[in-house]
Amino acid sequence: MGQNNTYKEVFRLRLKQARLSKGLSQKELGKLAGIDEFVASTRINRYEQGIHVADLETAGKLAEVLDIPLAYLYAREDDLAEVILNYHHNNIRS
């Protein structure tokens, strides 16, 4: 990614990347984050497509389910995103 990407674009790409790395479907992620099961898949799909933007509370719930810091979803630089993830996972192990 890079500085030219909007936060909306960064969020949608990092959300999808994190979801896929956890092996979750869009519906599973939505349900685990407390989104109604009848709209969970559609809502996550719209976040990942950049059609809608998750509010901060929802973004936080998604991050919790994905076991990533909220900051990761908004980190424009890949190097920074990696540092955030490493810091998070190292603190969990401590």
PDB file of N, CA and C in Angstrom:
ATOM      1  N   MET A   1       0.854  -1.169   0.000  1.00  0.00           N
ATOM      2  CA  MET A   1       0.000   0.000   0.000  1.00  0.00           C
ATOM      3  C   MET A   1       0.895   1.224   0.000  1.00  0.00           C
ATOM      4  N   GLY A   2       0.357   2.354   0.264  1.00  0.00           N
ATOM      5  CA  GLY A   2       1.176   3.549   0.280  1.00  0.00           C
ATOM      6  C   GLY A   2       0.398   4.752   0.749  1.00  0.00           C
ATOM      7  N   GLN A   3       1.088   5.869   0.828  1.00  0.00           N
ATOM      8  CA  GLN A   3       0.484   7.108   1.316  1.00  0.00           C
ATOM      9  C   GLN A   3      -0.639   7.609   0.417  1.00  0.00           C
ATOM     10  N   ASN A   4      -0.669   7.186  -0.833  1.00  0.00           N
ATOM     11  CA  ASN A   4      -1.706   7.660  -1.749  1.00  0.00           C
ATOM     12  C   ASN A   4      -3.051   6.987  -1.518  1.00  0.00           C
ATOM     13  N   ASN A   5      -3.058   5.863  -0.823  1.00  0.00           N
ATOM     14  CA  ASN A   5      -4.314   5.179  -0.541  1.00  0.00           C
ATOM     15  C   ASN A   5      -5.090   5.916   0.542  1.00  0.00           C
ATOM     16  N   THR A   6      -6.402   5.973   0.364  1.00  0.00           N
ATOM     17  CA  THR A   6      -7.253   6.554   1.394  1.00  0.00           C
ATOM     18  C   THR A   6      -7.371   5.554   2.542  1.00  0.00           C
ATOM     19  N   TYR A   7      -7.777   6.032   3.700  1.00  0.00           N
ATOM     20  CA  TYR A   7      -7.966   5.121   4.826  1.00  0.00           C
ATOM     21  C   TYR A   7      -9.063   4.110   4.527  1.00  0.00           C
ATOM     22  N   LYS A   8     -10.050   4.502   3.766  1.00  0.00           N
ATOM     23  CA  LYS A   8     -11.120   3.590   3.361  1.00  0.00           C
ATOM     24  C   LYS A   8     -10.541   2.441   2.536  1.00  0.00           C
ATOM     25  N   GLU A   9      -9.666   2.778   1.611  1.00  0.00           N
ATOM     26  CA  GLU A   9      -9.027   1.769   0.764  1.00  0.00           C
ATOM     27  C   GLU A   9      -8.121   0.857   1.588  1.00  0.00           C
ATOM     28  N   VAL A  10      -7.346   1.441   2.471  1.00  0.00           N
ATOM     29  CA  VAL A  10      -6.456   0.664   3.329  1.00  0.00           C
ATOM     30  C   VAL A  10      -7.279  -0.287   4.194  1.00  0.00           C
ATOM     31  N   PHE A  11      -8.344   0.224   4.799  1.00  0.00           N
ATOM     32  CA  PHE A  11      -9.192  -0.589   5.669  1.00  0.00           C
ATOM     33  C   PHE A  11      -9.755  -1.785   4.919  1.00  0.00           C
ATOM     34  N   ARG A  12     -10.298  -1.539   3.738  1.00  0.00           N
ATOM     35  CA  ARG A  12     -10.946  -2.634   3.007  1.00  0.00           C
ATOM     36  C   ARG A  12      -9.946  -3.718   2.622  1.00  0.00           C
ATOM     37  N   LEU A  13      -8.746  -3.310   2.213  1.00  0.00           N
ATOM     38  CA  LEU A  13      -7.733  -4.288   1.816  1.00  0.00           C
ATOM     39  C   LEU A  13      -7.190  -5.066   3.009  1.00  0.00           C
ATOM     40  N   ARG A  14      -6.920  -4.371   4.101  1.00  0.00           N
ATOM     41  CA  ARG A  14      -6.376  -5.053   5.287  1.00  0.00           C
ATOM     42  C   ARG A  14      -7.431  -5.954   5.939  1.00  0.00           C
ATOM     43  N   LEU A  15      -8.682  -5.527   5.917  1.00  0.00           N
ATOM     44  CA  LEU A  15      -9.754  -6.359   6.471  1.00  0.00           C
ATOM     45  C   LEU A  15      -9.834  -7.681   5.715  1.00  0.00           C
ATOM     46  N   LYS A  16      -9.851  -7.613   4.410  1.00  0.00           N
ATOM     47  CA  LYS A  16      -9.941  -8.835   3.603  1.00  0.00           C
ATOM     48  C   LYS A  16      -8.722  -9.720   3.830  1.00  0.00           C
ATOM     49  N   GLN A  17      -7.550  -9.117   3.848  1.00  0.00           N
ATOM     50  CA  GLN A  17      -6.311  -9.861   4.061  1.00  0.00           C
ATOM     51  C   GLN A  17      -6.339 -10.584   5.412  1.00  0.00           C
ATOM     52  N   ALA A  18      -6.759  -9.885   6.448  1.00  0.00           N
ATOM     53  CA  ALA A  18      -6.807 -10.475   7.788  1.00  0.00           C
ATOM     54  C   ALA A  18      -7.859 -11.579   7.868  1.00  0.00           C
ATOM     55  N   ARG A  19      -9.002 -11.351   7.245  1.00  0.00           N
ATOM     56  CA  ARG A  19     -10.068 -12.366   7.257  1.00  0.00           C
ATOM     57  C   ARG A  19      -9.602 -13.642   6.569  1.00  0.00           C
ATOM     58  N   LEU A  20      -8.995 -13.491   5.407  1.00  0.00           N
ATOM     59  CA  LEU A  20      -8.526 -14.660   4.668  1.00  0.00           C
ATOM     60  C   LEU A  20      -7.424 -15.397   5.425  1.00  0.00           C
ATOM     61  N   SER A  21      -6.558 -14.660   6.094  1.00  0.00           N
ATOM     62  CA  SER A  21      -5.477 -15.313   6.843  1.00  0.00           C
ATOM     63  C   SER A  21      -6.016 -16.097   8.034  1.00  0.00           C
ATOM     64  N   LYS A  22      -7.176 -15.714   8.540  1.00  0.00           N
ATOM     65  CA  LYS A  22      -7.823 -16.452   9.637  1.00  0.00           C
ATOM     66  C   LYS A  22      -8.698 -17.587   9.120  1.00  0.00           C
ATOM     67  N   GLY A  23      -8.892 -17.644   7.803  1.00  0.00           N
ATOM     68  CA  GLY A  23      -9.697 -18.711   7.220  1.00  0.00           C
ATOM     69  C   GLY A  23     -11.184 -18.572   7.479  1.00  0.00           C
ATOM     70  N   LEU A  24     -11.643 -17.340   7.645  1.00  0.00           N
ATOM     71  CA  LEU A  24     -13.059 -17.095   7.914  1.00  0.00           C
ATOM     72  C   LEU A  24     -13.785 -16.647   6.655  1.00  0.00           C
ATOM     73  N   SER A  25     -15.031 -17.060   6.538  1.00  0.00           N
ATOM     74  CA  SER A  25     -15.875 -16.531   5.470  1.00  0.00           C
ATOM     75  C   SER A  25     -16.361 -15.150   5.899  1.00  0.00           C
ATOM     76  N   GLN A  26     -16.897 -14.415   4.963  1.00  0.00           N
ATOM     77  CA  GLN A  26     -17.446 -13.100   5.298  1.00  0.00           C
ATOM     78  C   GLN A  26     -18.578 -13.245   6.307  1.00  0.00           C
ATOM     79  N   LYS A  27     -19.412 -14.245   6.117  1.00  0.00           N
ATOM     80  CA  LYS A  27     -20.537 -14.455   7.029  1.00  0.00           C
ATOM     81  C   LYS A  27     -20.045 -14.817   8.433  1.00  0.00           C
ATOM     82  N   GLU A  28     -19.057 -15.702   8.509  1.00  0.00           N
ATOM     83  CA  GLU A  28     -18.519 -16.095   9.819  1.00  0.00           C
ATOM     84  C   GLU A  28     -17.942 -14.896  10.558  1.00  0.00           C
ATOM     85  N   LEU A  29     -17.158 -14.094   9.857  1.00  0.00           N
ATOM     86  CA  LEU A  29     -16.566 -12.917  10.489  1.00  0.00           C
ATOM     87  C   LEU A  29     -17.649 -11.980  10.999  1.00  0.00           C
ATOM     88  N   GLY A  30     -18.632 -11.716  10.166  1.00  0.00           N
ATOM     89  CA  GLY A  30     -19.713 -10.820  10.566  1.00  0.00           C
ATOM     90  C   GLY A  30     -20.454 -11.319  11.794  1.00  0.00           C
ATOM     91  N   LYS A  31     -20.798 -12.597  11.802  1.00  0.00           N
ATOM     92  CA  LYS A  31     -21.522 -13.165  12.938  1.00  0.00           C
ATOM     93  C   LYS A  31     -20.690 -13.099  14.218  1.00  0.00           C
ATOM     94  N   LEU A  32     -19.410 -13.443  14.115  1.00  0.00           N
ATOM     95  CA  LEU A  32     -18.535 -13.405  15.291  1.00  0.00           C
ATOM     96  C   LEU A  32     -18.362 -11.989  15.832  1.00  0.00           C
ATOM     97  N   ALA A  33     -18.501 -11.003  14.943  1.00  0.00           N
ATOM     98  CA  ALA A  33     -18.372  -9.598  15.356  1.00  0.00           C
ATOM     99  C   ALA A  33     -19.700  -9.019  15.836  1.00  0.00           C
ATOM    100  N   GLY A  34     -20.734  -9.848  15.882  1.00  0.00           N
ATOM    101  CA  GLY A  34     -22.014  -9.393  16.410  1.00  0.00           C
ATOM    102  C   GLY A  34     -22.958  -8.792  15.389  1.00  0.00           C
ATOM    103  N   ILE A  35     -22.669  -8.984  14.116  1.00  0.00           N
ATOM    104  CA  ILE A  35     -23.560  -8.497  13.062  1.00  0.00           C
ATOM    105  C   ILE A  35     -24.630  -9.553  12.836  1.00  0.00           C
ATOM    106  N   ASP A  36     -25.860  -9.124  12.668  1.00  0.00           N
ATOM    107  CA  ASP A  36     -26.978 -10.038  12.441  1.00  0.00           C
ATOM    108  C   ASP A  36     -26.634 -11.025  11.326  1.00  0.00           C
ATOM    109  N   GLU A  37     -26.884 -12.307  11.577  1.00  0.00           N
ATOM    110  CA  GLU A  37     -26.481 -13.342  10.623  1.00  0.00           C
ATOM    111  C   GLU A  37     -27.132 -13.196   9.255  1.00  0.00           C
ATOM    112  N   PHE A  38     -28.286 -12.550   9.177  1.00  0.00           N
ATOM    113  CA  PHE A  38     -28.972 -12.406   7.895  1.00  0.00           C
ATOM    114  C   PHE A  38     -28.326 -11.357   6.998  1.00  0.00           C
ATOM    115  N   VAL A  39     -27.525 -10.474   7.579  1.00  0.00           N
ATOM    116  CA  VAL A  39     -26.857  -9.437   6.778  1.00  0.00           C
ATOM    117  C   VAL A  39     -25.335  -9.488   6.916  1.00  0.00           C
ATOM    118  N   ALA A  40     -24.830 -10.426   7.704  1.00  0.00           N
ATOM    119  CA  ALA A  40     -23.396 -10.470   8.010  1.00  0.00           C
ATOM    120  C   ALA A  40     -22.532 -10.569   6.758  1.00  0.00           C
ATOM    121  N   SER A  41     -22.845 -11.492   5.881  1.00  0.00           N
ATOM    122  CA  SER A  41     -22.039 -11.681   4.674  1.00  0.00           C
ATOM    123  C   SER A  41     -22.064 -10.446   3.785  1.00  0.00           C
ATOM    124  N   THR A  42     -23.253  -9.900   3.582  1.00  0.00           N
ATOM    125  CA  THR A  42     -23.402  -8.711   2.740  1.00  0.00           C
ATOM    126  C   THR A  42     -22.652  -7.528   3.329  1.00  0.00           C
ATOM    127  N   ARG A  43     -22.751  -7.335   4.628  1.00  0.00           N
ATOM    128  CA  ARG A  43     -22.099  -6.194   5.270  1.00  0.00           C
ATOM    129  C   ARG A  43     -20.583  -6.283   5.146  1.00  0.00           C
ATOM    130  N   ILE A  44     -20.024  -7.449   5.443  1.00  0.00           N
ATOM    131  CA  ILE A  44     -18.568  -7.611   5.336  1.00  0.00           C
ATOM    132  C   ILE A  44     -18.133  -7.447   3.883  1.00  0.00           C
ATOM    133  N   ASN A  45     -18.910  -7.993   2.964  1.00  0.00           N
ATOM    134  CA  ASN A  45     -18.595  -7.836   1.544  1.00  0.00           C
ATOM    135  C   ASN A  45     -18.553  -6.367   1.150  1.00  0.00           C
ATOM    136  N   ARG A  46     -19.488  -5.600   1.640  1.00  0.00           N
ATOM    137  CA  ARG A  46     -19.527  -4.168   1.306  1.00  0.00           C
ATOM    138  C   ARG A  46     -18.371  -3.405   1.935  1.00  0.00           C
ATOM    139  N   TYR A  47     -17.934  -3.824   3.109  1.00  0.00           N
ATOM    140  CA  TYR A  47     -16.740  -3.216   3.695  1.00  0.00           C
ATOM    141  C   TYR A  47     -15.520  -3.542   2.832  1.00  0.00           C
ATOM    142  N   GLU A  48     -15.413  -4.805   2.441  1.00  0.00           N
ATOM    143  CA  GLU A  48     -14.251  -5.232   1.660  1.00  0.00           C
ATOM    144  C   GLU A  48     -14.246  -4.648   0.249  1.00  0.00           C
ATOM    145  N   GLN A  49     -15.404  -4.340  -0.277  1.00  0.00           N
ATOM    146  CA  GLN A  49     -15.486  -3.728  -1.603  1.00  0.00           C
ATOM    147  C   GLN A  49     -15.341  -2.210  -1.543  1.00  0.00           C
ATOM    148  N   GLY A  50     -15.382  -1.658  -0.336  1.00  0.00           N
ATOM    149  CA  GLY A  50     -15.271  -0.211  -0.177  1.00  0.00           C
ATOM    150  C   GLY A  50     -16.572   0.522  -0.450  1.00  0.00           C
ATOM    151  N   ILE A  51     -17.672  -0.213  -0.489  1.00  0.00           N
ATOM    152  CA  ILE A  51     -18.988   0.392  -0.726  1.00  0.00           C
ATOM    153  C   ILE A  51     -19.462   1.109   0.532  1.00  0.00           C
ATOM    154  N   HIS A  52     -19.220   0.487   1.679  1.00  0.00           N
ATOM    155  CA  HIS A  52     -19.558   1.081   2.972  1.00  0.00           C
ATOM    156  C   HIS A  52     -18.312   1.118   3.847  1.00  0.00           C
ATOM    157  N   VAL A  53     -18.335   1.968   4.841  1.00  0.00           N
ATOM    158  CA  VAL A  53     -17.229   2.086   5.789  1.00  0.00           C
ATOM    159  C   VAL A  53     -17.740   1.680   7.170  1.00  0.00           C
ATOM    160  N   ALA A  54     -16.999   0.818   7.829  1.00  0.00           N
ATOM    161  CA  ALA A  54     -17.377   0.403   9.179  1.00  0.00           C
ATOM    162  C   ALA A  54     -17.154   1.558  10.147  1.00  0.00           C
ATOM    163  N   ASP A  55     -18.106   1.743  11.071  1.00  0.00           N
ATOM    164  CA  ASP A  55     -17.873   2.746  12.108  1.00  0.00           C
ATOM    165  C   ASP A  55     -16.793   2.211  13.048  1.00  0.00           C
ATOM    166  N   LEU A  56     -16.270   3.068  13.883  1.00  0.00           N
ATOM    167  CA  LEU A  56     -15.136   2.705  14.731  1.00  0.00           C
ATOM    168  C   LEU A  56     -15.462   1.537  15.663  1.00  0.00           C
ATOM    169  N   GLU A  57     -16.646   1.522  16.214  1.00  0.00           N
ATOM    170  CA  GLU A  57     -17.051   0.437  17.114  1.00  0.00           C
ATOM    171  C   GLU A  57     -17.060  -0.902  16.380  1.00  0.00           C
ATOM    172  N   THR A  58     -17.639  -0.920  15.191  1.00  0.00           N
ATOM    173  CA  THR A  58     -17.685  -2.147  14.398  1.00  0.00           C
ATOM    174  C   THR A  58     -16.286  -2.564  13.970  1.00  0.00           C
ATOM    175  N   ALA A  59     -15.471  -1.609  13.551  1.00  0.00           N
ATOM    176  CA  ALA A  59     -14.093  -1.910  13.155  1.00  0.00           C
ATOM    177  C   ALA A  59     -13.334  -2.536  14.326  1.00  0.00           C
ATOM    178  N   GLY A  60     -13.570  -2.025  15.527  1.00  0.00           N
ATOM    179  CA  GLY A  60     -12.933  -2.582  16.715  1.00  0.00           C
ATOM    180  C   GLY A  60     -13.360  -4.013  16.981  1.00  0.00           C
ATOM    181  N   LYS A  61     -14.638  -4.301  16.799  1.00  0.00           N
ATOM    182  CA  LYS A  61     -15.137  -5.670  16.991  1.00  0.00           C
ATOM    183  C   LYS A  61     -14.547  -6.614  15.952  1.00  0.00           C
ATOM    184  N   LEU A  62     -14.451  -6.140  14.712  1.00  0.00           N
ATOM    185  CA  LEU A  62     -13.849  -6.959  13.656  1.00  0.00           C
ATOM    186  C   LEU A  62     -12.392  -7.262  13.993  1.00  0.00           C
ATOM    187  N   ALA A  63     -11.671  -6.257  14.468  1.00  0.00           N
ATOM    188  CA  ALA A  63     -10.265  -6.441  14.838  1.00  0.00           C
ATOM    189  C   ALA A  63     -10.132  -7.455  15.974  1.00  0.00           C
ATOM    190  N   GLU A  64     -11.017  -7.388  16.955  1.00  0.00           N
ATOM    191  CA  GLU A  64     -10.976  -8.342  18.069  1.00  0.00           C
ATOM    192  C   GLU A  64     -11.159  -9.766  17.567  1.00  0.00           C
ATOM    193  N   VAL A  65     -12.149  -9.966  16.713  1.00  0.00           N
ATOM    194  CA  VAL A  65     -12.414 -11.301  16.169  1.00  0.00           C
ATOM    195  C   VAL A  65     -11.210 -11.808  15.379  1.00  0.00           C
ATOM    196  N   LEU A  66     -10.588 -10.912  14.634  1.00  0.00           N
ATOM    197  CA  LEU A  66      -9.446 -11.286  13.796  1.00  0.00           C
ATOM    198  C   LEU A  66      -8.130 -11.344  14.575  1.00  0.00           C
ATOM    199  N   ASP A  67      -8.180 -10.997  15.866  1.00  0.00           N
ATOM    200  CA  ASP A  67      -7.003 -10.987  16.738  1.00  0.00           C
ATOM    201  C   ASP A  67      -5.900 -10.089  16.176  1.00  0.00           C
ATOM    202  N   ILE A  68      -6.304  -8.895  15.799  1.00  0.00           N
ATOM    203  CA  ILE A  68      -5.364  -7.888  15.307  1.00  0.00           C
ATOM    204  C   ILE A  68      -5.687  -6.564  15.988  1.00  0.00           C
ATOM    205  N   PRO A  69      -4.709  -5.690  16.127  1.00  0.00           N
ATOM    206  CA  PRO A  69      -4.992  -4.368  16.684  1.00  0.00           C
ATOM    207  C   PRO A  69      -5.782  -3.539  15.674  1.00  0.00           C
ATOM    208  N   LEU A  70      -6.646  -2.713  16.164  1.00  0.00           N
ATOM    209  CA  LEU A  70      -7.425  -1.831  15.295  1.00  0.00           C
ATOM    210  C   LEU A  70      -6.510  -0.990  14.409  1.00  0.00           C
ATOM    211  N   ALA A  71      -5.390  -0.553  14.953  1.00  0.00           N
ATOM    212  CA  ALA A  71      -4.450   0.283  14.189  1.00  0.00           C
ATOM    213  C   ALA A  71      -3.968  -0.409  12.920  1.00  0.00           C
ATOM    214  N   TYR A  72      -3.873  -1.730  12.947  1.00  0.00           N
ATOM    215  CA  TYR A  72      -3.429  -2.476  11.767  1.00  0.00           C
ATOM    216  C   TYR A  72      -4.342  -2.214  10.576  1.00  0.00           C
ATOM    217  N   LEU A  73      -5.635  -2.133  10.830  1.00  0.00           N
ATOM    218  CA  LEU A  73      -6.601  -1.954   9.741  1.00  0.00           C
ATOM    219  C   LEU A  73      -6.485  -0.600   9.056  1.00  0.00           C
ATOM    220  N   TYR A  74      -5.810   0.340   9.697  1.00  0.00           N
ATOM    221  CA  TYR A  74      -5.693   1.693   9.135  1.00  0.00           C
ATOM    222  C   TYR A  74      -4.252   2.092   8.805  1.00  0.00           C
ATOM    223  N   ALA A  75      -3.306   1.178   8.985  1.00  0.00           N
ATOM    224  CA  ALA A  75      -1.892   1.490   8.718  1.00  0.00           C
ATOM    225  C   ALA A  75      -1.655   1.549   7.212  1.00  0.00           C
ATOM    226  N   ARG A  76      -1.300   2.727   6.718  1.00  0.00           N
ATOM    227  CA  ARG A  76      -1.103   2.910   5.278  1.00  0.00           C
ATOM    228  C   ARG A  76       0.146   2.207   4.755  1.00  0.00           C
ATOM    229  N   GLU A  77       1.190   2.208   5.533  1.00  0.00           N
ATOM    230  CA  GLU A  77       2.459   1.608   5.103  1.00  0.00           C
ATOM    231  C   GLU A  77       2.512   0.141   5.521  1.00  0.00           C
ATOM    232  N   ASP A  78       2.924  -0.718   4.599  1.00  0.00           N
ATOM    233  CA  ASP A  78       3.018  -2.139   4.902  1.00  0.00           C
ATOM    234  C   ASP A  78       4.011  -2.419   6.028  1.00  0.00           C
ATOM    235  N   ASP A  79       5.120  -1.695   6.040  1.00  0.00           N
ATOM    236  CA  ASP A  79       6.116  -1.892   7.099  1.00  0.00           C
ATOM    237  C   ASP A  79       5.531  -1.572   8.470  1.00  0.00           C
ATOM    238  N   LEU A  80       4.776  -0.498   8.551  1.00  0.00           N
ATOM    239  CA  LEU A  80       4.144  -0.125   9.815  1.00  0.00           C
ATOM    240  C   LEU A  80       3.107  -1.169  10.222  1.00  0.00           C
ATOM    241  N   ALA A  81       2.331  -1.642   9.281  1.00  0.00           N
ATOM    242  CA  ALA A  81       1.331  -2.670   9.575  1.00  0.00           C
ATOM    243  C   ALA A  81       2.001  -3.918  10.142  1.00  0.00           C
ATOM    244  N   GLU A  82       3.127  -4.284   9.573  1.00  0.00           N
ATOM    245  CA  GLU A  82       3.865  -5.453  10.042  1.00  0.00           C
ATOM    246  C   GLU A  82       4.394  -5.244  11.461  1.00  0.00           C
ATOM    247  N   VAL A  83       4.904  -4.060  11.743  1.00  0.00           N
ATOM    248  CA  VAL A  83       5.392  -3.740  13.090  1.00  0.00           C
ATOM    249  C   VAL A  83       4.244  -3.823  14.095  1.00  0.00           C
ATOM    250  N   ILE A  84       3.094  -3.295  13.727  1.00  0.00           N
ATOM    251  CA  ILE A  84       1.920  -3.322  14.610  1.00  0.00           C
ATOM    252  C   ILE A  84       1.524  -4.761  14.920  1.00  0.00           C
ATOM    253  N   LEU A  85       1.468  -5.608  13.894  1.00  0.00           N
ATOM    254  CA  LEU A  85       1.107  -7.015  14.104  1.00  0.00           C
ATOM    255  C   LEU A  85       2.133  -7.735  14.972  1.00  0.00           C
ATOM    256  N   ASN A  86       3.405  -7.523  14.678  1.00  0.00           N
ATOM    257  CA  ASN A  86       4.455  -8.183  15.461  1.00  0.00           C
ATOM    258  C   ASN A  86       4.410  -7.756  16.924  1.00  0.00           C
ATOM    259  N   TYR A  87       4.229  -6.473  17.163  1.00  0.00           N
ATOM    260  CA  TYR A  87       4.142  -5.969  18.530  1.00  0.00           C
ATOM    261  C   TYR A  87       2.959  -6.611  19.258  1.00  0.00           C
ATOM    262  N   HIS A  88       1.834  -6.653  18.590  1.00  0.00           N
ATOM    263  CA  HIS A  88       0.619  -7.238  19.170  1.00  0.00           C
ATOM    264  C   HIS A  88       0.841  -8.710  19.530  1.00  0.00           C
ATOM    265  N   HIS A  89       1.360  -9.469  18.598  1.00  0.00           N
ATOM    266  CA  HIS A  89       1.535 -10.899  18.840  1.00  0.00           C
ATOM    267  C   HIS A  89       2.633 -11.183  19.864  1.00  0.00           C
ATOM    268  N   ASN A  90       3.661 -10.365  19.913  1.00  0.00           N
ATOM    269  CA  ASN A  90       4.702 -10.539  20.933  1.00  0.00           C
ATOM    270  C   ASN A  90       4.172 -10.225  22.323  1.00  0.00           C
ATOM    271  N   ASN A  91       3.287  -9.245  22.443  1.00  0.00           N
ATOM    272  CA  ASN A  91       2.706  -8.902  23.743  1.00  0.00           C
ATOM    273  C   ASN A  91       1.745  -9.969  24.229  1.00  0.00           C
ATOM    274  N   ILE A  92       1.075 -10.630  23.320  1.00  0.00           N
ATOM    275  CA  ILE A  92       0.152 -11.698  23.708  1.00  0.00           C
ATOM    276  C   ILE A  92       0.929 -12.871  24.295  1.00  0.00           C
ATOM    277  N   ARG A  93       2.074 -13.166  23.723  1.00  0.00           N
ATOM    278  CA  ARG A  93       2.896 -14.291  24.182  1.00  0.00           C
ATOM    279  C   ARG A  93       3.596 -14.007  25.503  1.00  0.00           C
ATOM    280  N   SER A  94       3.782 -12.746  25.829  1.00  0.00           N
ATOM    281  CA  SER A  94       4.520 -12.378  27.055  1.00  0.00           C
ATOM    282  C   SER A  94       3.731 -12.660  28.303  1.00  0.00           C
TER     283      SER A  94
END
